[in-house]
Amino acid sequence: MSNSNQLKDSFQKTTYRLSQNGPRNVAVLQEALQSVDPNLESDIYGSGKIIEDFESKIAKFLGKEKAVFFPSGTMAQQIALRIWADRKNNNKIAYHPLSHLEIHEQDGLKELQQIELLLLGTAERVPTIEDIRNLDESVSCVLLELPQREIGGQLPTFAELEEISQYCRENGIQLHLDGARLWEITPYYKKSEKEISALFDSVYVSFYKGIGGIAGAILAGDANFTDEAKLWKRRYGGDLISLYPYIISANYYFDKRIGKMEQYYEAAKDLARRFNACEGVKTVPEVPVSNMFHVHFEKPAEAVEPILTKIHAETGVGCSGYLQSKPSDTCGFELSVGDAVAEIPAEQLDRVFELLQI
């Protein structure tokens, strides 16, 4: 068995995990279903009390007029950007070079919507207002991902966000929030989701990352925007006959975990401190600004995999089931803190970092 397969296998056998909220198995849905009346009526093609109540609940939470539930964030964001492009009669959109839409969606915007993408700034940092001012062409919309996942969950300051928002509004540029991890950044900003969302014309949020539901997303904005989003949702095939398993799990785990974001944030900072105290290991960013960060090792994957495999076997604590190779013979993985880390016995967690000798 190769080292990478051994690492994956050892991770899968662990009892505890540093990352996420726990196993993604059928029990996730079973737990959520126990919270509702079994006679509750299903939604049907995007209508019905169960979906409409949840949409209203999240719209209010985000401070937006209306919201639409989608089966996926990929669908929701492509539709949002298409609406803004049509409104401005300008098919040019700007976002970070490592935006999810740029590197993980098989050019969906370009192929399905003929949207032209302009890249903001450089890959290793978050976009700035100067990047927007220096665009060579006018754009209908700027997308900001908060936090910027591919660079360790980094964030601009809230003052910088306010400046970007004001500039976009003064210059007729729509501002869209890729808020897949919006919930997780509120402790750092010391601002509510509503205060952050107020800076944006449209907002996408996810229910399977920090919230830990099965799947699903919300797209929120004013009523005209969401009415148009519903039309595009039907065109995209997003109005399944019923979405209630996603809605029930999203609602249940939202209520269960939305108040834990400060806890996850503090745990992430503690874990990063422990990683940074190990020789040959660092985190990006050094001090997390959300519940997520990247762990970097100063050796190649083939040298680190046996070390992590040993840690998994001896402690029962899973660090990661993969390592991503990086330049200069280094490697790393992503860590997103949720409920799981709180279940690790203190002595087992201490032992992880005693064994982490790179």
Protein backbone atom coordinates (compact mmCIF):
# COMPACT_ATOMS: atom_id res chain seq x y z
CA MET A 1 0.00 0.00 0.00
CA SER A 2 1.36 3.44 -0.90
CA ASN A 3 2.06 6.00 1.82
CA SER A 4 -0.88 8.13 0.67
CA ASN A 5 -3.24 5.15 0.84
CA GLN A 6 -1.89 4.20 4.26
CA LEU A 7 -2.53 7.75 5.47
CA LYS A 8 -6.10 7.72 4.17
CA ASP A 9 -6.74 4.28 5.66
CA SER A 10 -5.28 5.23 9.05
CA PHE A 11 -7.36 8.43 9.13
CA GLN A 12 -10.57 6.54 8.42
CA LYS A 13 -9.89 4.21 11.36
CA THR A 14 -9.46 7.00 13.93
CA THR A 15 -11.95 7.58 16.74
CA TYR A 16 -11.50 11.35 16.96
CA ARG A 17 -10.90 14.12 14.41
CA LEU A 18 -9.31 17.57 14.57
CA SER A 19 -11.62 18.82 11.83
CA GLN A 20 -15.34 19.17 11.05
CA ASN A 21 -18.40 18.20 13.10
CA GLY A 22 -18.26 14.43 12.92
CA PRO A 23 -18.89 11.66 10.37
CA ARG A 24 -20.93 12.46 7.28
CA ASN A 25 -23.20 9.46 7.42
CA VAL A 26 -26.92 8.65 7.44
CA ALA A 27 -27.09 9.42 11.16
CA VAL A 28 -26.77 13.12 10.26
CA LEU A 29 -30.19 12.99 8.58
CA GLN A 30 -31.68 10.61 11.14
CA GLU A 31 -30.86 13.00 13.99
CA ALA A 32 -32.40 15.94 12.14
CA LEU A 33 -35.57 14.02 11.23
CA GLN A 34 -36.21 13.25 14.89
CA SER A 35 -36.75 16.98 15.45
CA VAL A 36 -39.83 17.30 13.22
CA ASP A 37 -43.38 16.02 13.08
CA PRO A 38 -43.48 13.04 10.67
CA ASN A 39 -46.77 14.40 9.31
CA LEU A 40 -45.14 17.66 8.22
CA GLU A 41 -46.05 18.34 4.60
CA SER A 42 -43.31 18.19 1.99
CA ASP A 43 -42.36 21.14 -0.15
CA ILE A 44 -43.35 20.75 -3.80
CA TYR A 45 -41.33 22.37 -6.60
CA GLY A 46 -40.07 25.20 -4.41
CA SER A 47 -43.35 25.97 -2.64
CA GLY A 48 -44.84 24.99 0.69
CA LYS A 49 -44.60 25.97 4.33
CA ILE A 50 -41.42 24.01 5.10
CA ILE A 51 -39.31 25.74 2.44
CA GLU A 52 -40.95 29.15 2.65
CA ASP A 53 -40.61 29.35 6.44
CA PHE A 54 -36.93 28.44 6.26
CA GLU A 55 -36.28 30.97 3.48
CA SER A 56 -37.98 33.70 5.55
CA LYS A 57 -36.03 32.70 8.66
CA ILE A 58 -32.64 32.97 6.94
CA ALA A 59 -33.57 36.14 5.04
CA LYS A 60 -34.40 37.80 8.35
CA PHE A 61 -31.21 36.46 9.94
CA LEU A 62 -29.15 37.95 7.10
CA GLY A 63 -31.10 41.20 7.06
CA LYS A 64 -32.26 40.72 3.47
CA GLU A 65 -35.76 41.14 2.07
CA LYS A 66 -36.12 37.64 0.63
CA ALA A 67 -34.19 34.39 0.23
CA VAL A 68 -34.31 31.34 -2.03
CA PHE A 69 -33.23 27.81 -1.04
CA PHE A 70 -31.03 25.98 -3.59
CA PRO A 71 -29.78 22.40 -3.66
CA SER A 72 -26.23 23.65 -4.29
CA GLY A 73 -24.11 26.75 -3.90
CA THR A 74 -22.65 26.26 -7.37
CA MET A 75 -26.10 26.73 -8.86
CA ALA A 76 -26.96 29.65 -6.57
CA GLN A 77 -23.85 31.67 -7.33
CA GLN A 78 -23.91 31.16 -11.08
CA ILE A 79 -27.48 32.42 -11.07
CA ALA A 80 -26.66 35.44 -8.89
CA LEU A 81 -23.87 36.53 -11.19
CA ARG A 82 -26.00 35.97 -14.30
CA ILE A 83 -28.72 38.23 -12.84
CA TRP A 84 -26.27 41.05 -12.14
CA ALA A 85 -24.67 40.71 -15.57
CA ASP A 86 -28.10 40.98 -17.23
CA ARG A 87 -29.15 43.93 -15.08
CA LYS A 88 -26.05 45.88 -16.04
CA ASN A 89 -25.97 44.59 -19.64
CA ASN A 90 -22.34 43.71 -18.93
CA ASN A 91 -21.17 40.08 -18.82
CA LYS A 92 -17.88 40.87 -17.04
CA ILE A 93 -17.49 39.72 -13.43
CA ALA A 94 -14.45 40.08 -11.15
CA TYR A 95 -13.25 37.76 -8.38
CA HIS A 96 -10.13 36.36 -6.69
CA PRO A 97 -7.88 34.09 -8.82
CA LEU A 98 -8.58 31.18 -6.45
CA SER A 99 -12.32 31.68 -6.20
CA HIS A 100 -14.30 28.44 -6.00
CA LEU A 101 -15.99 29.41 -9.27
CA GLU A 102 -12.62 29.72 -10.98
CA ILE A 103 -10.92 26.51 -9.89
CA HIS A 104 -13.59 24.01 -8.81
CA GLU A 105 -16.58 24.38 -11.15
CA GLN A 106 -15.28 23.28 -14.56
CA ASP A 107 -15.72 26.78 -16.05
CA GLY A 108 -19.47 26.68 -15.40
CA LEU A 109 -19.89 30.45 -15.64
CA LYS A 110 -18.05 30.60 -18.95
CA GLU A 111 -19.63 27.53 -20.52
CA LEU A 112 -23.21 27.89 -19.29
CA GLN A 113 -23.58 31.65 -19.00
CA GLN A 114 -20.86 33.07 -21.26
CA ILE A 115 -19.72 35.22 -18.36
CA GLU A 116 -16.29 36.82 -18.83
CA LEU A 117 -14.11 36.66 -15.72
CA LEU A 118 -11.59 39.24 -14.59
CA LEU A 119 -9.23 38.22 -11.79
CA LEU A 120 -8.73 40.52 -8.81
CA GLY A 121 -5.24 40.91 -7.41
CA THR A 122 -2.89 37.98 -6.91
CA ALA A 123 -3.48 34.45 -5.67
CA GLU A 124 -1.60 34.65 -2.36
CA ARG A 125 -3.61 37.50 -0.78
CA VAL A 126 -7.15 38.80 -0.41
CA PRO A 127 -8.45 41.37 -2.93
CA THR A 128 -8.19 45.07 -2.05
CA ILE A 129 -10.05 48.17 -3.11
CA GLU A 130 -7.03 49.09 -5.22
CA ASP A 131 -7.45 45.84 -7.17
CA ILE A 132 -11.03 46.85 -7.96
CA ARG A 133 -10.05 50.41 -8.88
CA ASN A 134 -7.30 49.09 -11.15
CA LEU A 135 -9.49 46.76 -13.21
CA ASP A 136 -8.79 47.34 -16.89
CA GLU A 137 -12.45 46.96 -17.83
CA SER A 138 -15.77 47.83 -16.24
CA VAL A 139 -17.57 44.98 -14.50
CA SER A 140 -21.18 44.42 -13.54
CA CYS A 141 -20.33 42.66 -10.29
CA VAL A 142 -17.49 41.94 -7.90
CA LEU A 143 -17.60 38.67 -5.92
CA LEU A 144 -15.82 38.51 -2.58
CA GLU A 145 -15.30 35.17 -0.83
CA LEU A 146 -15.21 35.54 2.94
CA PRO A 147 -13.08 33.88 4.16
CA GLN A 148 -10.79 33.16 1.20
CA ARG A 149 -10.58 29.39 1.55
CA GLU A 150 -7.68 28.54 -0.76
CA ILE A 151 -5.27 30.81 1.13
CA GLY A 152 -6.11 29.51 4.58
CA GLY A 153 -9.31 31.43 5.20
CA GLN A 154 -7.75 34.89 5.18
CA LEU A 155 -9.94 38.01 5.44
CA PRO A 156 -9.76 41.74 4.75
CA THR A 157 -10.46 43.98 7.72
CA PHE A 158 -14.05 45.06 8.21
CA ALA A 159 -13.03 48.65 7.49
CA GLU A 160 -11.62 47.49 4.15
CA LEU A 161 -14.90 45.73 3.40
CA GLU A 162 -16.84 48.89 4.14
CA GLU A 163 -14.57 50.86 1.82
CA ILE A 164 -15.03 48.31 -0.99
CA SER A 165 -18.79 48.32 -0.50
CA GLN A 166 -19.02 52.10 -0.64
CA TYR A 167 -16.82 52.26 -3.74
CA CYS A 168 -18.90 49.66 -5.57
CA ARG A 169 -22.16 51.43 -4.76
CA GLU A 170 -20.81 54.80 -5.82
CA ASN A 171 -19.61 53.32 -9.13
CA GLY A 172 -22.63 51.18 -10.02
CA ILE A 173 -20.92 47.84 -9.36
CA GLN A 174 -22.95 45.10 -7.68
CA LEU A 175 -21.21 43.38 -4.77
CA HIS A 176 -21.92 39.68 -4.18
CA LEU A 177 -20.85 37.71 -1.11
CA ASP A 178 -19.64 34.15 -1.44
CA GLY A 179 -20.50 33.50 2.18
CA ALA A 180 -20.19 29.71 2.22
CA ARG A 181 -18.43 30.20 5.56
CA LEU A 182 -20.09 33.47 6.58
CA TRP A 183 -21.20 32.13 9.97
CA GLU A 184 -17.62 31.30 10.89
CA ILE A 185 -16.17 34.81 10.42
CA THR A 186 -18.48 36.67 12.82
CA PRO A 187 -16.28 36.11 15.91
CA TYR A 188 -13.25 37.67 14.21
CA TYR A 189 -15.12 40.68 12.87
CA LYS A 190 -17.21 40.96 16.04
CA LYS A 191 -20.08 41.70 13.69
CA SER A 192 -23.33 39.85 13.08
CA GLU A 193 -24.20 38.10 9.82
CA LYS A 194 -26.70 40.91 9.26
CA GLU A 195 -24.05 43.61 9.64
CA ILE A 196 -21.70 41.85 7.22
CA SER A 197 -24.47 41.11 4.69
CA ALA A 198 -25.56 44.75 4.70
CA LEU A 199 -22.42 45.60 2.73
CA PHE A 200 -23.48 43.31 -0.15
CA ASP A 201 -26.24 43.38 -2.75
CA SER A 202 -26.61 39.59 -2.74
CA VAL A 203 -25.45 36.89 -0.35
CA TYR A 204 -24.91 33.14 -0.70
CA VAL A 205 -24.59 30.94 2.39
CA SER A 206 -24.04 27.20 2.76
CA PHE A 207 -25.53 24.71 5.21
CA TYR A 208 -23.13 21.77 5.00
CA LYS A 209 -19.78 23.33 5.97
CA GLY A 210 -19.64 24.88 9.44
CA ILE A 211 -23.34 24.20 9.97
CA GLY A 212 -22.94 20.50 9.12
CA GLY A 213 -26.20 19.78 7.30
CA ILE A 214 -26.50 17.40 4.35
CA ALA A 215 -26.38 19.96 1.54
CA GLY A 216 -28.13 23.10 0.38
CA ALA A 217 -27.66 26.83 0.11
CA ILE A 218 -29.53 30.12 0.39
CA LEU A 219 -29.32 33.07 -1.99
CA ALA A 220 -30.59 36.28 -0.41
CA GLY A 221 -31.23 39.82 -1.62
CA ASP A 222 -34.11 42.15 -2.41
CA ALA A 223 -37.43 40.81 -3.67
CA ASN A 224 -36.79 41.63 -7.34
CA PHE A 225 -33.48 39.80 -7.21
CA THR A 226 -34.88 36.69 -5.51
CA ASP A 227 -37.93 36.56 -7.81
CA GLU A 228 -35.56 36.42 -10.75
CA ALA A 229 -33.39 33.87 -8.94
CA LYS A 230 -36.42 31.59 -8.63
CA LEU A 231 -36.95 31.70 -12.40
CA TRP A 232 -33.33 30.75 -12.99
CA LYS A 233 -33.55 28.03 -10.34
CA ARG A 234 -36.33 26.41 -12.36
CA ARG A 235 -34.32 26.78 -15.57
CA TYR A 236 -31.33 25.11 -13.92
CA GLY A 237 -33.41 22.17 -12.71
CA GLY A 238 -33.05 23.23 -9.09
CA ASP A 239 -36.76 22.92 -8.28
CA LEU A 240 -36.73 19.25 -7.37
CA ILE A 241 -40.11 17.75 -6.55
CA SER A 242 -39.05 17.98 -2.88
CA LEU A 243 -36.03 19.38 -1.05
CA TYR A 244 -37.24 18.75 2.48
CA PRO A 245 -34.42 16.38 3.60
CA TYR A 246 -31.95 19.17 2.89
CA ILE A 247 -34.15 21.83 4.46
CA ILE A 248 -34.85 19.84 7.63
CA SER A 249 -31.17 19.09 8.17
CA ALA A 250 -30.15 22.68 7.35
CA ASN A 251 -32.68 24.10 9.80
CA TYR A 252 -31.87 21.60 12.56
CA TYR A 253 -28.09 22.00 12.42
CA PHE A 254 -28.34 25.75 11.92
CA ASP A 255 -30.19 26.02 15.23
CA LYS A 256 -27.80 23.55 16.87
CA ARG A 257 -24.52 25.19 15.78
CA ILE A 258 -25.05 28.86 14.93
CA GLY A 259 -24.27 29.80 18.53
CA LYS A 260 -21.01 27.80 18.57
CA MET A 261 -18.96 29.84 16.12
CA GLU A 262 -16.99 31.61 18.87
CA GLN A 263 -16.17 28.21 20.37
CA TYR A 264 -14.91 26.90 17.03
CA TYR A 265 -12.86 30.07 16.47
CA GLU A 266 -11.13 29.83 19.86
CA ALA A 267 -10.42 26.13 19.32
CA ALA A 268 -8.93 26.90 15.88
CA LYS A 269 -6.59 29.50 17.38
CA ASP A 270 -5.49 27.01 20.06
CA LEU A 271 -4.79 24.29 17.48
CA ALA A 272 -2.84 26.72 15.28
CA ARG A 273 -0.74 27.74 18.28
CA ARG A 274 0.07 24.07 18.92
CA PHE A 275 0.98 23.41 15.28
CA ASN A 276 3.21 26.48 15.11
CA ALA A 277 5.08 25.33 18.22
CA CYS A 278 6.22 22.20 16.33
CA GLU A 279 9.48 22.44 14.42
CA GLY A 280 9.02 22.29 10.67
CA VAL A 281 5.31 23.14 10.87
CA LYS A 282 3.46 26.42 10.36
CA THR A 283 -0.08 27.53 9.77
CA VAL A 284 -1.54 29.95 7.24
CA PRO A 285 -2.55 32.34 8.56
CA GLU A 286 -0.35 32.09 11.65
CA VAL A 287 -3.29 33.20 13.80
CA PRO A 288 -6.59 32.05 12.25
CA VAL A 289 -9.27 34.62 11.50
CA SER A 290 -12.05 32.03 11.34
CA ASN A 291 -12.48 28.39 12.32
CA MET A 292 -10.28 27.28 9.41
CA PHE A 293 -6.61 27.45 8.49
CA HIS A 294 -4.00 25.55 6.48
CA VAL A 295 -1.23 23.45 8.04
CA HIS A 296 2.08 23.53 6.11
CA PHE A 297 4.98 21.11 6.58
CA GLU A 298 8.53 21.93 5.50
CA LYS A 299 9.03 18.45 4.05
CA PRO A 300 7.47 16.63 1.07
CA ALA A 301 4.34 14.51 1.42
CA GLU A 302 6.24 11.20 1.26
CA ALA A 303 8.18 12.23 4.39
CA VAL A 304 5.17 13.52 6.35
CA GLU A 305 2.64 10.80 5.52
CA PRO A 306 4.30 8.12 7.73
CA ILE A 307 4.43 10.58 10.64
CA LEU A 308 0.70 11.36 10.43
CA THR A 309 -0.09 7.68 9.94
CA LYS A 310 1.79 6.88 13.16
CA ILE A 311 -0.05 9.66 15.02
CA HIS A 312 -3.40 8.28 13.83
CA ALA A 313 -2.52 4.76 14.96
CA GLU A 314 -1.06 5.69 18.36
CA THR A 315 -3.53 8.38 19.44
CA GLY A 316 -6.75 7.55 17.61
CA VAL A 317 -6.90 11.20 16.57
CA GLY A 318 -7.24 11.95 12.87
CA CYS A 319 -5.26 14.95 11.64
CA SER A 320 -5.92 14.56 7.90
CA GLY A 321 -6.52 11.80 5.37
CA TYR A 322 -4.58 13.58 2.64
CA LEU A 323 -1.60 15.82 2.01
CA GLN A 324 -1.45 18.33 -0.81
CA SER A 325 1.99 18.81 -2.34
CA LYS A 326 3.23 22.39 -2.50
CA PRO A 327 6.23 24.18 -4.08
CA SER A 328 9.78 23.59 -2.81
CA ASP A 329 9.09 20.02 -1.63
CA THR A 330 6.59 21.03 1.04
CA CYS A 331 3.04 19.84 1.69
CA GLY A 332 -0.01 20.58 3.79
CA PHE A 333 -3.69 20.14 4.51
CA GLU A 334 -6.74 22.19 5.42
CA LEU A 335 -8.36 22.12 8.83
CA SER A 336 -11.85 23.41 9.70
CA VAL A 337 -12.78 23.23 13.35
CA GLY A 338 -16.24 22.11 14.45
CA ASP A 339 -17.77 19.94 17.15
CA ALA A 340 -15.36 17.04 16.65
CA VAL A 341 -12.30 18.57 18.31
CA ALA A 342 -14.14 19.08 21.62
CA GLU A 343 -14.63 15.30 21.89
CA ILE A 344 -10.87 14.55 21.93
CA PRO A 345 -9.53 13.67 25.41
CA ALA A 346 -6.97 16.27 26.50
CA GLU A 347 -4.18 13.71 26.95
CA GLN A 348 -4.76 12.32 23.45
CA LEU A 349 -4.63 15.79 21.92
CA ASP A 350 -1.41 16.57 23.79
CA ARG A 351 0.08 13.32 22.51
CA VAL A 352 -0.66 14.31 18.88
CA PHE A 353 1.65 17.27 19.15
CA GLU A 354 4.31 15.37 21.10
CA LEU A 355 4.51 12.96 18.15
CA LEU A 356 4.42 15.66 15.50
CA GLN A 357 8.16 15.84 14.88
CA ILE A 358 8.87 16.85 11.28
